[in-house]
Amino acid sequence: MLEPQQSMIQPIPTLDPETVAPLVTLTDAALAKLSELTRQEPDPNIGLRVYVYSGGCSGYRYGMMLEDQPAADDIRVQAAGINVYVDPQSTPLLRGSEIDYVDTLMGAGFTVNNPNAVTGCGCGSSFRTADSAGAPGACGH
């Protein structure tokens, strides 16, 4: 006689939004600037691409640009009608980050407040995470 076998199917874990950090958030200043920059764009896919690449004296650098077409594997975050695109390789390095726009006497631009960064470059253009694989190099800033 055959004994009944236990099911091999495992349930998919449920993620609690109260305990899972969002990929990225935008401050009101960033939302306002992005709205201004994209207001005249007819393409509804226009958005801010945020990415991380190896470089800088701490190991990783941020990159940002306006993007009119996301890649097939991008993660899209929407906030108040603004699209933010993040590639899968940058996702773990950016999770929980806040994107801000600052305008001071020293200059204006978007900045990233990243809870994953444990140290940064003196000039503020690169960062390192606790389990960072980025290799420090000369600061080109």
Protein backbone atom coordinates (compact mmCIF):
# COMPACT_ATOMS: atom_id res chain seq x y z
CA MET A 1 0.00 0.00 0.00
CA LEU A 2 1.28 3.48 -0.93
CA GLU A 3 1.64 6.07 1.77
CA PRO A 4 0.45 9.60 1.03
CA GLN A 5 3.33 11.96 0.29
CA GLN A 6 3.58 15.46 1.61
CA SER A 7 3.17 18.22 -0.93
CA MET A 8 6.43 19.60 -2.33
CA ILE A 9 4.82 22.96 -3.07
CA GLN A 10 5.92 25.64 -0.65
CA PRO A 11 3.83 28.77 -0.08
CA ILE A 12 5.22 32.08 -1.28
CA PRO A 13 6.21 34.21 1.72
CA THR A 14 4.11 37.31 2.26
CA LEU A 15 6.08 40.55 2.54
CA ASP A 16 4.85 42.91 5.21
CA PRO A 17 5.00 46.49 3.84
CA GLU A 18 5.53 47.74 7.39
CA THR A 19 8.84 45.86 7.68
CA VAL A 20 10.14 45.92 4.09
CA ALA A 21 11.91 49.11 3.05
CA PRO A 22 10.76 50.63 -0.25
CA LEU A 23 13.31 50.50 -3.04
CA VAL A 24 13.61 54.30 -3.27
CA THR A 25 11.56 57.29 -2.19
CA LEU A 26 11.53 60.86 -3.49
CA THR A 27 11.43 63.96 -1.33
CA ASP A 28 9.00 66.76 -2.15
CA ALA A 29 11.91 68.79 -3.58
CA ALA A 30 12.92 65.90 -5.88
CA LEU A 31 9.32 65.40 -6.99
CA ALA A 32 8.97 69.11 -7.77
CA LYS A 33 12.19 69.23 -9.81
CA LEU A 34 11.40 66.04 -11.71
CA SER A 35 7.90 67.35 -12.47
CA GLU A 36 9.46 70.53 -13.82
CA LEU A 37 11.99 68.60 -15.94
CA THR A 38 9.45 66.20 -17.42
CA ARG A 39 6.41 68.49 -17.75
CA GLN A 40 6.89 69.09 -21.49
CA GLU A 41 7.71 65.46 -22.31
CA PRO A 42 4.97 63.74 -24.31
CA ASP A 43 6.17 60.21 -23.46
CA PRO A 44 4.48 58.92 -20.27
CA ASN A 45 7.44 56.55 -19.71
CA ILE A 46 9.89 59.42 -19.06
CA GLY A 47 11.49 59.02 -15.66
CA LEU A 48 14.63 59.22 -13.57
CA ARG A 49 17.10 56.36 -13.95
CA VAL A 50 19.13 55.83 -10.78
CA TYR A 51 22.03 53.39 -10.88
CA VAL A 52 25.21 52.40 -9.07
CA TYR A 53 28.52 51.62 -10.73
CA SER A 54 31.98 50.71 -9.51
CA GLY A 55 34.30 53.66 -9.04
CA GLY A 56 35.34 56.54 -6.85
CA CYS A 57 37.59 56.40 -3.82
CA SER A 58 35.03 54.48 -1.72
CA GLY A 59 34.09 51.80 -4.25
CA TYR A 60 30.69 52.77 -5.71
CA ARG A 61 29.30 55.86 -7.40
CA TYR A 62 25.76 56.97 -8.16
CA GLY A 63 24.53 57.77 -11.63
CA MET A 64 21.30 59.47 -12.66
CA MET A 65 19.75 60.50 -15.94
CA LEU A 66 16.37 61.04 -17.51
CA GLU A 67 15.22 57.91 -19.29
CA ASP A 68 12.42 57.71 -21.84
CA GLN A 69 12.25 53.94 -22.11
CA PRO A 70 12.87 51.46 -19.28
CA ALA A 71 14.79 48.25 -19.90
CA ALA A 72 12.80 45.00 -19.74
CA ASP A 73 14.34 44.01 -16.38
CA ASP A 74 14.14 47.44 -14.69
CA ILE A 75 12.25 47.89 -11.48
CA ARG A 76 9.88 50.85 -11.77
CA VAL A 77 8.94 52.93 -8.74
CA GLN A 78 6.18 55.50 -9.17
CA ALA A 79 5.65 58.46 -6.88
CA ALA A 80 3.09 61.18 -7.60
CA GLY A 81 3.15 60.35 -11.31
CA ILE A 82 6.96 60.34 -11.55
CA ASN A 83 8.74 57.18 -12.73
CA VAL A 84 12.03 56.06 -11.21
CA TYR A 85 13.89 53.20 -12.92
CA VAL A 86 16.45 50.99 -11.16
CA ASP A 87 18.32 48.10 -12.77
CA PRO A 88 18.42 44.77 -10.91
CA GLN A 89 22.16 45.02 -10.12
CA SER A 90 21.70 48.40 -8.38
CA THR A 91 18.60 47.34 -6.43
CA PRO A 92 20.31 45.83 -3.34
CA LEU A 93 22.68 48.80 -3.09
CA LEU A 94 19.87 51.37 -3.30
CA ARG A 95 17.10 49.68 -1.28
CA GLY A 96 15.65 52.14 1.22
CA SER A 97 17.37 55.18 -0.31
CA GLU A 98 15.82 58.63 -0.45
CA ILE A 99 16.42 60.80 -3.51
CA ASP A 100 16.46 64.52 -2.80
CA TYR A 101 17.04 67.67 -4.81
CA VAL A 102 19.16 70.38 -3.21
CA ASP A 103 19.83 73.91 -4.45
CA THR A 104 22.54 75.76 -2.50
CA LEU A 105 25.15 78.40 -3.16
CA MET A 106 27.61 75.60 -3.90
CA GLY A 107 25.42 74.08 -6.59
CA ALA A 108 22.21 72.24 -7.32
CA GLY A 109 21.41 68.64 -8.09
CA PHE A 110 19.92 65.35 -7.02
CA THR A 111 21.44 63.56 -4.04
CA VAL A 112 20.98 60.07 -2.59
CA ASN A 113 20.54 59.49 1.13
CA ASN A 114 21.44 55.81 1.27
CA PRO A 115 21.01 53.79 4.50
CA ASN A 116 23.23 51.06 2.99
CA ALA A 117 26.26 53.34 2.76
CA VAL A 118 28.55 52.81 5.75
CA THR A 119 31.29 55.14 4.57
CA GLY A 120 31.66 57.73 1.88
CA CYS A 121 34.24 59.70 0.02
CA GLY A 122 35.40 62.99 1.48
CA CYS A 123 33.97 64.84 -1.51
CA GLY A 124 30.68 62.91 -1.21
CA SER A 125 30.71 61.42 -4.69
CA SER A 126 31.14 57.73 -3.79
CA PHE A 127 30.20 55.25 -1.06
CA ARG A 128 30.85 51.78 0.34
CA THR A 129 28.39 49.29 1.86
CA ALA A 130 29.02 46.85 4.73
CA ASP A 131 29.40 43.93 2.33
CA SER A 132 30.72 46.04 -0.52
CA ALA A 133 32.33 44.47 -3.54
CA GLY A 134 33.23 47.81 -5.10
CA ALA A 135 36.95 48.42 -5.27
CA PRO A 136 38.21 51.80 -4.03
CA GLY A 137 40.12 53.83 -6.55
CA ALA A 138 41.45 57.31 -7.06
CA CYS A 139 38.94 60.08 -6.54
CA GLY A 140 38.30 61.71 -9.89
CA HIS A 141 36.09 64.39 -8.39
